[in-house]
């Protein structure tokens, strides 16, 4: 697959939510204690998800989903 447009909207939404949740969890653990087992585990979960997405859907989709998940963590404010 070459882009997110190749996936159905339910898949994009589900993967975006899962990725956003894992990134949020990782950053929360990182803020508490960067050297903890919980931080290491959260980081591993994020990496595992992205490797799986990359294997199933391809590098371009994995990149786009990462950007989507990251934007869910830090929504960009629109200015008029």
C-alpha atoms as a PDB file:
ATOM      1  CA  UNK A   1       0.000   0.000   0.000  1.00  0.00           C
ATOM      2  CA  UNK A   2       1.161   3.459  -0.781  1.00  0.00           C
ATOM      3  CA  UNK A   3      -0.909   5.670   1.521  1.00  0.00           C
ATOM      4  CA  UNK A   4      -3.628   5.863   4.128  1.00  0.00           C
ATOM      5  CA  UNK A   5      -6.176   6.417   1.368  1.00  0.00           C
ATOM      6  CA  UNK A   6      -5.747   2.733   0.506  1.00  0.00           C
ATOM      7  CA  UNK A   7      -7.242   1.747   3.895  1.00  0.00           C
ATOM      8  CA  UNK A   8     -10.872   1.960   4.925  1.00  0.00           C
ATOM      9  CA  UNK A   9     -11.815   4.676   7.406  1.00  0.00           C
ATOM     10  CA  UNK A  10     -12.554   2.220  10.250  1.00  0.00           C
ATOM     11  CA  UNK A  11      -9.060   0.746  10.017  1.00  0.00           C
ATOM     12  CA  UNK A  12      -7.451   4.188   9.926  1.00  0.00           C
ATOM     13  CA  UNK A  13      -9.488   5.322  12.936  1.00  0.00           C
ATOM     14  CA  UNK A  14      -8.753   2.178  14.963  1.00  0.00           C
ATOM     15  CA  UNK A  15      -5.021   2.211  14.248  1.00  0.00           C
ATOM     16  CA  UNK A  16      -4.818   5.952  14.900  1.00  0.00           C
ATOM     17  CA  UNK A  17      -6.520   5.530  18.286  1.00  0.00           C
ATOM     18  CA  UNK A  18      -4.345   2.573  19.242  1.00  0.00           C
ATOM     19  CA  UNK A  19      -1.175   4.373  18.220  1.00  0.00           C
ATOM     20  CA  UNK A  20      -2.218   7.554  20.009  1.00  0.00           C
ATOM     21  CA  UNK A  21      -3.001   5.603  23.174  1.00  0.00           C
ATOM     22  CA  UNK A  22       0.359   3.815  23.115  1.00  0.00           C
ATOM     23  CA  UNK A  23       2.248   7.058  22.492  1.00  0.00           C
ATOM     24  CA  UNK A  24       0.378   8.812  25.310  1.00  0.00           C
ATOM     25  CA  UNK A  25       1.122   5.930  27.672  1.00  0.00           C
ATOM     26  CA  UNK A  26       4.787   5.916  26.698  1.00  0.00           C
ATOM     27  CA  UNK A  27       5.181   9.662  27.204  1.00  0.00           C
ATOM     28  CA  UNK A  28       3.410   9.515  30.575  1.00  0.00           C
ATOM     29  CA  UNK A  29       5.782   6.791  31.748  1.00  0.00           C
ATOM     30  CA  UNK A  30       8.774   8.625  30.305  1.00  0.00           C
ATOM     31  CA  UNK A  31       7.821  11.765  32.231  1.00  0.00           C
ATOM     32  CA  UNK A  32       7.540   9.777  35.494  1.00  0.00           C
ATOM     33  CA  UNK A  33      10.798   7.823  35.215  1.00  0.00           C
ATOM     34  CA  UNK A  34      12.781   7.514  31.981  1.00  0.00           C
ATOM     35  CA  UNK A  35      14.694   4.473  33.273  1.00  0.00           C
ATOM     36  CA  UNK A  36      11.749   2.457  34.608  1.00  0.00           C
ATOM     37  CA  UNK A  37      10.574  -0.926  33.388  1.00  0.00           C
ATOM     38  CA  UNK A  38       7.171   0.624  32.650  1.00  0.00           C
ATOM     39  CA  UNK A  39       8.804   3.152  30.305  1.00  0.00           C
ATOM     40  CA  UNK A  40      10.787   0.402  28.608  1.00  0.00           C
ATOM     41  CA  UNK A  41       7.664  -1.722  28.224  1.00  0.00           C
ATOM     42  CA  UNK A  42       5.612   1.167  26.827  1.00  0.00           C
ATOM     43  CA  UNK A  43       8.358   1.979  24.336  1.00  0.00           C
ATOM     44  CA  UNK A  44       8.463  -1.660  23.241  1.00  0.00           C
ATOM     45  CA  UNK A  45       4.702  -1.643  22.704  1.00  0.00           C
ATOM     46  CA  UNK A  46       4.936   1.432  20.452  1.00  0.00           C
ATOM     47  CA  UNK A  47       7.785  -0.088  18.442  1.00  0.00           C
ATOM     48  CA  UNK A  48       5.952  -3.414  18.093  1.00  0.00           C
ATOM     49  CA  UNK A  49       2.823  -1.717  16.767  1.00  0.00           C
ATOM     50  CA  UNK A  50       4.751   0.287  14.178  1.00  0.00           C
ATOM     51  CA  UNK A  51       6.750  -2.755  13.030  1.00  0.00           C
ATOM     52  CA  UNK A  52       3.521  -4.726  12.653  1.00  0.00           C
ATOM     53  CA  UNK A  53       1.815  -1.934  10.705  1.00  0.00           C
ATOM     54  CA  UNK A  54       4.882  -1.586   8.494  1.00  0.00           C
ATOM     55  CA  UNK A  55       4.909  -5.315   7.751  1.00  0.00           C
ATOM     56  CA  UNK A  56       1.195  -5.495   6.995  1.00  0.00           C
ATOM     57  CA  UNK A  57       0.555  -2.166   5.255  1.00  0.00           C
ATOM     58  CA  UNK A  58       3.976  -0.892   4.178  1.00  0.00           C
ATOM     59  CA  UNK A  59       6.363   1.872   5.151  1.00  0.00           C
ATOM     60  CA  UNK A  60       4.319   4.784   3.780  1.00  0.00           C
ATOM     61  CA  UNK A  61       1.175   3.776   5.666  1.00  0.00           C
ATOM     62  CA  UNK A  62       3.166   3.213   8.879  1.00  0.00           C
ATOM     63  CA  UNK A  63       4.635   6.722   8.560  1.00  0.00           C
ATOM     64  CA  UNK A  64       1.232   8.290   7.895  1.00  0.00           C
ATOM     65  CA  UNK A  65      -0.355   6.448  10.816  1.00  0.00           C
ATOM     66  CA  UNK A  66       2.467   7.562  13.111  1.00  0.00           C
ATOM     67  CA  UNK A  67       1.796  11.169  12.108  1.00  0.00           C
ATOM     68  CA  UNK A  68      -1.939  10.658  12.680  1.00  0.00           C
ATOM     69  CA  UNK A  69      -1.367   9.120  16.109  1.00  0.00           C
ATOM     70  CA  UNK A  70       1.058  11.884  17.046  1.00  0.00           C
ATOM     71  CA  UNK A  71      -1.448  14.539  15.998  1.00  0.00           C
ATOM     72  CA  UNK A  72      -4.043  12.855  18.241  1.00  0.00           C
ATOM     73  CA  UNK A  73      -1.649  13.359  21.157  1.00  0.00           C
ATOM     74  CA  UNK A  74      -0.958  17.002  20.294  1.00  0.00           C
ATOM     75  CA  UNK A  75      -3.770  18.421  18.172  1.00  0.00           C
ATOM     76  CA  UNK A  76      -2.729  21.373  16.081  1.00  0.00           C
ATOM     77  CA  UNK A  77      -4.742  24.479  16.841  1.00  0.00           C
ATOM     78  CA  UNK A  78      -6.204  26.080  13.763  1.00  0.00           C
ATOM     79  CA  UNK A  79      -5.915  29.834  13.414  1.00  0.00           C
ATOM     80  CA  UNK A  80      -8.189  31.924  11.259  1.00  0.00           C
END
